[in-house]
Amino acid sequence: MGKNQHVTPHPDGGWQVKGEGNNKATKVTETKKEAIDIARQIAKNQESELIIHGKDGKIQNKDSYGNDPYPPKG
């Protein structure tokens, strides 16, 4: 399983995709949608989680593409 991918606001404007624990952004984009699309592809390839943050830094949404510790029931 690869690193979880976080979509967060970039300090210089725009949005960034960052692997968990990394100091540098993997990719910086102008729009949040672009960052989410890129992060989703990386998370699928690495079988990890996509974690989307809002402008305030709080987690807004999560998607799991690996071994989900809480799979849907039923």
PDB file of N, CA and C in Angstrom:
ATOM      1  N   MET A   1       0.848  -1.187   0.000  1.00  0.00           N
ATOM      2  CA  MET A   1       0.000   0.000   0.000  1.00  0.00           C
ATOM      3  C   MET A   1       0.886   1.239   0.000  1.00  0.00           C
ATOM      4  N   GLY A   2       0.536   2.216  -0.832  1.00  0.00           N
ATOM      5  CA  GLY A   2       1.313   3.439  -0.950  1.00  0.00           C
ATOM      6  C   GLY A   2       0.910   4.484   0.071  1.00  0.00           C
ATOM      7  N   LYS A   3       1.444   5.666  -0.119  1.00  0.00           N
ATOM      8  CA  LYS A   3       1.151   6.774   0.789  1.00  0.00           C
ATOM      9  C   LYS A   3      -0.228   7.346   0.512  1.00  0.00           C
ATOM     10  N   ASN A   4      -0.929   7.714   1.570  1.00  0.00           N
ATOM     11  CA  ASN A   4      -2.198   8.404   1.405  1.00  0.00           C
ATOM     12  C   ASN A   4      -1.942   9.747   0.729  1.00  0.00           C
ATOM     13  N   GLN A   5      -2.871  10.161  -0.123  1.00  0.00           N
ATOM     14  CA  GLN A   5      -2.730  11.399  -0.876  1.00  0.00           C
ATOM     15  C   GLN A   5      -3.660  12.458  -0.305  1.00  0.00           C
ATOM     16  N   HIS A   6      -3.089  13.607   0.013  1.00  0.00           N
ATOM     17  CA  HIS A   6      -3.860  14.710   0.586  1.00  0.00           C
ATOM     18  C   HIS A   6      -3.992  15.831  -0.438  1.00  0.00           C
ATOM     19  N   VAL A   7      -5.194  16.367  -0.561  1.00  0.00           N
ATOM     20  CA  VAL A   7      -5.441  17.562  -1.372  1.00  0.00           C
ATOM     21  C   VAL A   7      -5.655  18.702  -0.385  1.00  0.00           C
ATOM     22  N   THR A   8      -4.759  19.694  -0.444  1.00  0.00           N
ATOM     23  CA  THR A   8      -4.810  20.815   0.497  1.00  0.00           C
ATOM     24  C   THR A   8      -4.563  22.130  -0.243  1.00  0.00           C
ATOM     25  N   PRO A   9      -4.970  23.245   0.363  1.00  0.00           N
ATOM     26  CA  PRO A   9      -4.644  24.538  -0.243  1.00  0.00           C
ATOM     27  C   PRO A   9      -3.120  24.727  -0.272  1.00  0.00           C
ATOM     28  N   HIS A  10      -2.606  25.294  -1.356  1.00  0.00           N
ATOM     29  CA  HIS A  10      -1.168  25.571  -1.451  1.00  0.00           C
ATOM     30  C   HIS A  10      -0.896  26.949  -0.853  1.00  0.00           C
ATOM     31  N   PRO A  11       0.179  27.112  -0.096  1.00  0.00           N
ATOM     32  CA  PRO A  11       0.462  28.402   0.557  1.00  0.00           C
ATOM     33  C   PRO A  11       0.577  29.579  -0.426  1.00  0.00           C
ATOM     34  N   ASP A  12       1.006  29.305  -1.648  1.00  0.00           N
ATOM     35  CA  ASP A  12       1.165  30.380  -2.640  1.00  0.00           C
ATOM     36  C   ASP A  12      -0.043  30.545  -3.545  1.00  0.00           C
ATOM     37  N   GLY A  13      -1.142  29.885  -3.203  1.00  0.00           N
ATOM     38  CA  GLY A  13      -2.359  29.942  -4.020  1.00  0.00           C
ATOM     39  C   GLY A  13      -2.548  28.640  -4.770  1.00  0.00           C
ATOM     40  N   GLY A  14      -3.768  28.363  -5.144  1.00  0.00           N
ATOM     41  CA  GLY A  14      -4.084  27.113  -5.818  1.00  0.00           C
ATOM     42  C   GLY A  14      -4.185  25.971  -4.821  1.00  0.00           C
ATOM     43  N   TRP A  15      -4.060  24.768  -5.336  1.00  0.00           N
ATOM     44  CA  TRP A  15      -4.210  23.552  -4.532  1.00  0.00           C
ATOM     45  C   TRP A  15      -3.034  22.632  -4.780  1.00  0.00           C
ATOM     46  N   GLN A  16      -2.754  21.778  -3.801  1.00  0.00           N
ATOM     47  CA  GLN A  16      -1.636  20.857  -3.954  1.00  0.00           C
ATOM     48  C   GLN A  16      -2.041  19.429  -3.631  1.00  0.00           C
ATOM     49  N   VAL A  17      -1.337  18.504  -4.270  1.00  0.00           N
ATOM     50  CA  VAL A  17      -1.445  17.083  -3.973  1.00  0.00           C
ATOM     51  C   VAL A  17      -0.163  16.723  -3.244  1.00  0.00           C
ATOM     52  N   LYS A  18      -0.302  16.113  -2.082  1.00  0.00           N
ATOM     53  CA  LYS A  18       0.862  15.805  -1.265  1.00  0.00           C
ATOM     54  C   LYS A  18       0.742  14.404  -0.706  1.00  0.00           C
ATOM     55  N   GLY A  19       1.771  13.595  -0.892  1.00  0.00           N
ATOM     56  CA  GLY A  19       1.808  12.278  -0.278  1.00  0.00           C
ATOM     57  C   GLY A  19       2.015  12.437   1.220  1.00  0.00           C
ATOM     58  N   GLU A  20       1.343  11.606   1.997  1.00  0.00           N
ATOM     59  CA  GLU A  20       1.424  11.707   3.461  1.00  0.00           C
ATOM     60  C   GLU A  20       2.877  11.608   3.924  1.00  0.00           C
ATOM     61  N   GLY A  21       3.291  12.572   4.732  1.00  0.00           N
ATOM     62  CA  GLY A  21       4.649  12.589   5.267  1.00  0.00           C
ATOM     63  C   GLY A  21       5.653  13.301   4.381  1.00  0.00           C
ATOM     64  N   ASN A  22       5.268  13.643   3.159  1.00  0.00           N
ATOM     65  CA  ASN A  22       6.181  14.342   2.256  1.00  0.00           C
ATOM     66  C   ASN A  22       6.263  15.826   2.607  1.00  0.00           C
ATOM     67  N   ASN A  23       7.429  16.421   2.413  1.00  0.00           N
ATOM     68  CA  ASN A  23       7.602  17.853   2.638  1.00  0.00           C
ATOM     69  C   ASN A  23       7.160  18.676   1.439  1.00  0.00           C
ATOM     70  N   LYS A  24       7.370  18.121   0.244  1.00  0.00           N
ATOM     71  CA  LYS A  24       7.043  18.855  -0.979  1.00  0.00           C
ATOM     72  C   LYS A  24       5.775  18.312  -1.626  1.00  0.00           C
ATOM     73  N   ALA A  25       5.077  19.193  -2.312  1.00  0.00           N
ATOM     74  CA  ALA A  25       3.879  18.787  -3.048  1.00  0.00           C
ATOM     75  C   ALA A  25       4.276  17.941  -4.254  1.00  0.00           C
ATOM     76  N   THR A  26       3.472  16.917  -4.539  1.00  0.00           N
ATOM     77  CA  THR A  26       3.669  16.107  -5.740  1.00  0.00           C
ATOM     78  C   THR A  26       3.276  16.930  -6.958  1.00  0.00           C
ATOM     79  N   LYS A  27       2.196  17.701  -6.806  1.00  0.00           N
ATOM     80  CA  LYS A  27       1.670  18.505  -7.911  1.00  0.00           C
ATOM     81  C   LYS A  27       0.927  19.704  -7.338  1.00  0.00           C
ATOM     82  N   VAL A  28       1.075  20.870  -7.987  1.00  0.00           N
ATOM     83  CA  VAL A  28       0.328  22.070  -7.619  1.00  0.00           C
ATOM     84  C   VAL A  28      -0.563  22.429  -8.797  1.00  0.00           C
ATOM     85  N   THR A  29      -1.845  22.696  -8.514  1.00  0.00           N
ATOM     86  CA  THR A  29      -2.810  23.011  -9.568  1.00  0.00           C
ATOM     87  C   THR A  29      -3.531  24.319  -9.250  1.00  0.00           C
ATOM     88  N   GLU A  30      -4.205  24.847 -10.260  1.00  0.00           N
ATOM     89  CA  GLU A  30      -4.975  26.076 -10.062  1.00  0.00           C
ATOM     90  C   GLU A  30      -6.296  25.808  -9.364  1.00  0.00           C
ATOM     91  N   THR A  31      -6.905  24.659  -9.684  1.00  0.00           N
ATOM     92  CA  THR A  31      -8.231  24.379  -9.123  1.00  0.00           C
ATOM     93  C   THR A  31      -8.202  23.145  -8.223  1.00  0.00           C
ATOM     94  N   LYS A  32      -9.149  23.123  -7.315  1.00  0.00           N
ATOM     95  CA  LYS A  32      -9.290  21.988  -6.406  1.00  0.00           C
ATOM     96  C   LYS A  32      -9.663  20.728  -7.181  1.00  0.00           C
ATOM     97  N   LYS A  33     -10.520  20.881  -8.181  1.00  0.00           N
ATOM     98  CA  LYS A  33     -10.953  19.726  -8.979  1.00  0.00           C
ATOM     99  C   LYS A  33      -9.766  19.046  -9.659  1.00  0.00           C
ATOM    100  N   GLU A  34      -8.862  19.843 -10.234  1.00  0.00           N
ATOM    101  CA  GLU A  34      -7.670  19.279 -10.874  1.00  0.00           C
ATOM    102  C   GLU A  34      -6.841  18.480  -9.860  1.00  0.00           C
ATOM    103  N   ALA A  35      -6.648  19.061  -8.689  1.00  0.00           N
ATOM    104  CA  ALA A  35      -5.857  18.397  -7.650  1.00  0.00           C
ATOM    105  C   ALA A  35      -6.515  17.085  -7.219  1.00  0.00           C
ATOM    106  N   ILE A  36      -7.835  17.104  -7.074  1.00  0.00           N
ATOM    107  CA  ILE A  36      -8.563  15.887  -6.676  1.00  0.00           C
ATOM    108  C   ILE A  36      -8.424  14.808  -7.742  1.00  0.00           C
ATOM    109  N   ASP A  37      -8.567  15.190  -9.014  1.00  0.00           N
ATOM    110  CA  ASP A  37      -8.457  14.209 -10.102  1.00  0.00           C
ATOM    111  C   ASP A  37      -7.076  13.549 -10.111  1.00  0.00           C
ATOM    112  N   ILE A  38      -6.026  14.354  -9.931  1.00  0.00           N
ATOM    113  CA  ILE A  38      -4.657  13.823  -9.920  1.00  0.00           C
ATOM    114  C   ILE A  38      -4.444  12.935  -8.695  1.00  0.00           C
ATOM    115  N   ALA A  39      -4.860  13.420  -7.532  1.00  0.00           N
ATOM    116  CA  ALA A  39      -4.688  12.652  -6.292  1.00  0.00           C
ATOM    117  C   ALA A  39      -5.456  11.340  -6.345  1.00  0.00           C
ATOM    118  N   ARG A  40      -6.643  11.350  -6.952  1.00  0.00           N
ATOM    119  CA  ARG A  40      -7.452  10.130  -7.060  1.00  0.00           C
ATOM    120  C   ARG A  40      -6.709   9.080  -7.886  1.00  0.00           C
ATOM    121  N   GLN A  41      -6.105   9.489  -8.989  1.00  0.00           N
ATOM    122  CA  GLN A  41      -5.360   8.550  -9.840  1.00  0.00           C
ATOM    123  C   GLN A  41      -4.174   7.953  -9.085  1.00  0.00           C
ATOM    124  N   ILE A  42      -3.451   8.807  -8.352  1.00  0.00           N
ATOM    125  CA  ILE A  42      -2.295   8.328  -7.577  1.00  0.00           C
ATOM    126  C   ILE A  42      -2.765   7.350  -6.498  1.00  0.00           C
ATOM    127  N   ALA A  43      -3.834   7.706  -5.797  1.00  0.00           N
ATOM    128  CA  ALA A  43      -4.359   6.840  -4.730  1.00  0.00           C
ATOM    129  C   ALA A  43      -4.808   5.487  -5.293  1.00  0.00           C
ATOM    130  N   LYS A  44      -5.447   5.494  -6.456  1.00  0.00           N
ATOM    131  CA  LYS A  44      -5.868   4.231  -7.086  1.00  0.00           C
ATOM    132  C   LYS A  44      -4.649   3.390  -7.448  1.00  0.00           C
ATOM    133  N   ASN A  45      -3.642   4.035  -8.052  1.00  0.00           N
ATOM    134  CA  ASN A  45      -2.428   3.311  -8.461  1.00  0.00           C
ATOM    135  C   ASN A  45      -1.692   2.735  -7.263  1.00  0.00           C
ATOM    136  N   GLN A  46      -1.677   3.463  -6.152  1.00  0.00           N
ATOM    137  CA  GLN A  46      -0.936   3.032  -4.973  1.00  0.00           C
ATOM    138  C   GLN A  46      -1.811   2.256  -3.972  1.00  0.00           C
ATOM    139  N   GLU A  47      -3.097   2.111  -4.301  1.00  0.00           N
ATOM    140  CA  GLU A  47      -4.051   1.447  -3.404  1.00  0.00           C
ATOM    141  C   GLU A  47      -3.998   2.070  -2.011  1.00  0.00           C
ATOM    142  N   SER A  48      -4.154   3.390  -1.979  1.00  0.00           N
ATOM    143  CA  SER A  48      -4.115   4.131  -0.721  1.00  0.00           C
ATOM    144  C   SER A  48      -5.378   4.983  -0.593  1.00  0.00           C
ATOM    145  N   GLU A  49      -5.365   5.919   0.332  1.00  0.00           N
ATOM    146  CA  GLU A  49      -6.539   6.774   0.538  1.00  0.00           C
ATOM    147  C   GLU A  49      -6.347   8.151  -0.068  1.00  0.00           C
ATOM    148  N   LEU A  50      -7.440   8.717  -0.510  1.00  0.00           N
ATOM    149  CA  LEU A  50      -7.497  10.105  -0.963  1.00  0.00           C
ATOM    150  C   LEU A  50      -8.178  10.889   0.149  1.00  0.00           C
ATOM    151  N   ILE A  51      -7.514  11.926   0.650  1.00  0.00           N
ATOM    152  CA  ILE A  51      -8.052  12.740   1.735  1.00  0.00           C
ATOM    153  C   ILE A  51      -8.136  14.182   1.244  1.00  0.00           C
ATOM    154  N   ILE A  52      -9.346  14.701   1.192  1.00  0.00           N
ATOM    155  CA  ILE A  52      -9.595  16.039   0.642  1.00  0.00           C
ATOM    156  C   ILE A  52      -9.848  17.011   1.790  1.00  0.00           C
ATOM    157  N   HIS A  53      -9.080  18.083   1.807  1.00  0.00           N
ATOM    158  CA  HIS A  53      -9.200  19.114   2.841  1.00  0.00           C
ATOM    159  C   HIS A  53      -9.861  20.360   2.255  1.00  0.00           C
ATOM    160  N   GLY A  54     -10.517  21.130   3.111  1.00  0.00           N
ATOM    161  CA  GLY A  54     -11.084  22.410   2.702  1.00  0.00           C
ATOM    162  C   GLY A  54     -10.054  23.519   2.860  1.00  0.00           C
ATOM    163  N   LYS A  55     -10.447  24.743   2.511  1.00  0.00           N
ATOM    164  CA  LYS A  55      -9.541  25.889   2.630  1.00  0.00           C
ATOM    165  C   LYS A  55      -9.082  26.104   4.069  1.00  0.00           C
ATOM    166  N   ASP A  56      -9.897  25.668   5.027  1.00  0.00           N
ATOM    167  CA  ASP A  56      -9.548  25.830   6.444  1.00  0.00           C
ATOM    168  C   ASP A  56      -8.626  24.710   6.938  1.00  0.00           C
ATOM    169  N   GLY A  57      -8.313  23.762   6.059  1.00  0.00           N
ATOM    170  CA  GLY A  57      -7.431  22.661   6.427  1.00  0.00           C
ATOM    171  C   GLY A  57      -8.141  21.452   6.998  1.00  0.00           C
ATOM    172  N   LYS A  58      -9.417  21.580   7.318  1.00  0.00           N
ATOM    173  CA  LYS A  58     -10.174  20.463   7.893  1.00  0.00           C
ATOM    174  C   LYS A  58     -10.521  19.452   6.797  1.00  0.00           C
ATOM    175  N   ILE A  59     -10.569  18.192   7.193  1.00  0.00           N
ATOM    176  CA  ILE A  59     -10.910  17.124   6.247  1.00  0.00           C
ATOM    177  C   ILE A  59     -12.380  17.244   5.847  1.00  0.00           C
ATOM    178  N   GLN A  60     -12.613  17.240   4.538  1.00  0.00           N
ATOM    179  CA  GLN A  60     -13.982  17.317   4.013  1.00  0.00           C
ATOM    180  C   GLN A  60     -14.484  15.964   3.538  1.00  0.00           C
ATOM    181  N   ASN A  61     -13.564  15.156   3.011  1.00  0.00           N
ATOM    182  CA  ASN A  61     -13.991  13.904   2.399  1.00  0.00           C
ATOM    183  C   ASN A  61     -12.809  12.940   2.340  1.00  0.00           C
ATOM    184  N   LYS A  62     -13.118  11.633   2.326  1.00  0.00           N
ATOM    185  CA  LYS A  62     -12.102  10.598   2.181  1.00  0.00           C
ATOM    186  C   LYS A  62     -12.621   9.539   1.221  1.00  0.00           C
ATOM    187  N   ASP A  63     -11.723   9.013   0.408  1.00  0.00           N
ATOM    188  CA  ASP A  63     -12.037   7.877  -0.449  1.00  0.00           C
ATOM    189  C   ASP A  63     -10.912   6.875  -0.301  1.00  0.00           C
ATOM    190  N   SER A  64     -11.262   5.604  -0.156  1.00  0.00           N
ATOM    191  CA  SER A  64     -10.256   4.561   0.012  1.00  0.00           C
ATOM    192  C   SER A  64     -10.175   3.718  -1.253  1.00  0.00           C
ATOM    193  N   TYR A  65      -8.946   3.483  -1.715  1.00  0.00           N
ATOM    194  CA  TYR A  65      -8.729   2.669  -2.913  1.00  0.00           C
ATOM    195  C   TYR A  65      -7.856   1.456  -2.612  1.00  0.00           C
ATOM    196  N   GLY A  66      -7.714   1.127  -1.338  1.00  0.00           N
ATOM    197  CA  GLY A  66      -6.912  -0.028  -0.953  1.00  0.00           C
ATOM    198  C   GLY A  66      -7.706  -0.921  -0.047  1.00  0.00           C
ATOM    199  N   ASN A  67      -7.048  -1.409   0.976  1.00  0.00           N
ATOM    200  CA  ASN A  67      -7.713  -2.249   1.960  1.00  0.00           C
ATOM    201  C   ASN A  67      -8.425  -1.341   2.943  1.00  0.00           C
ATOM    202  N   ASP A  68      -9.694  -1.129   2.724  1.00  0.00           N
ATOM    203  CA  ASP A  68     -10.481  -0.224   3.553  1.00  0.00           C
ATOM    204  C   ASP A  68     -10.687  -0.846   4.936  1.00  0.00           C
ATOM    205  N   PRO A  69     -10.216  -0.152   6.003  1.00  0.00           N
ATOM    206  CA  PRO A  69     -10.413  -0.710   7.337  1.00  0.00           C
ATOM    207  C   PRO A  69     -11.889  -0.701   7.759  1.00  0.00           C
ATOM    208  N   TYR A  70     -12.707   0.081   7.093  1.00  0.00           N
ATOM    209  CA  TYR A  70     -14.145   0.164   7.400  1.00  0.00           C
ATOM    210  C   TYR A  70     -14.955   0.004   6.118  1.00  0.00           C
ATOM    211  N   PRO A  71     -14.964  -1.199   5.522  1.00  0.00           N
ATOM    212  CA  PRO A  71     -15.707  -1.378   4.276  1.00  0.00           C
ATOM    213  C   PRO A  71     -17.209  -1.187   4.490  1.00  0.00           C
ATOM    214  N   PRO A  72     -17.915  -0.803   3.422  1.00  0.00           N
ATOM    215  CA  PRO A  72     -19.369  -0.633   3.559  1.00  0.00           C
ATOM    216  C   PRO A  72     -20.042  -1.950   3.926  1.00  0.00           C
ATOM    217  N   LYS A  73     -21.065  -1.859   4.722  1.00  0.00           N
ATOM    218  CA  LYS A  73     -21.786  -3.061   5.143  1.00  0.00           C
ATOM    219  C   LYS A  73     -22.988  -3.298   4.225  1.00  0.00           C
ATOM    220  N   GLY A  74     -23.193  -4.555   3.901  1.00  0.00           N
ATOM    221  CA  GLY A  74     -24.406  -4.938   3.248  1.00  0.00           C
ATOM    222  C   GLY A  74     -24.397  -4.901   1.798  1.00  0.00           C
TER     223      GLY A  74
END
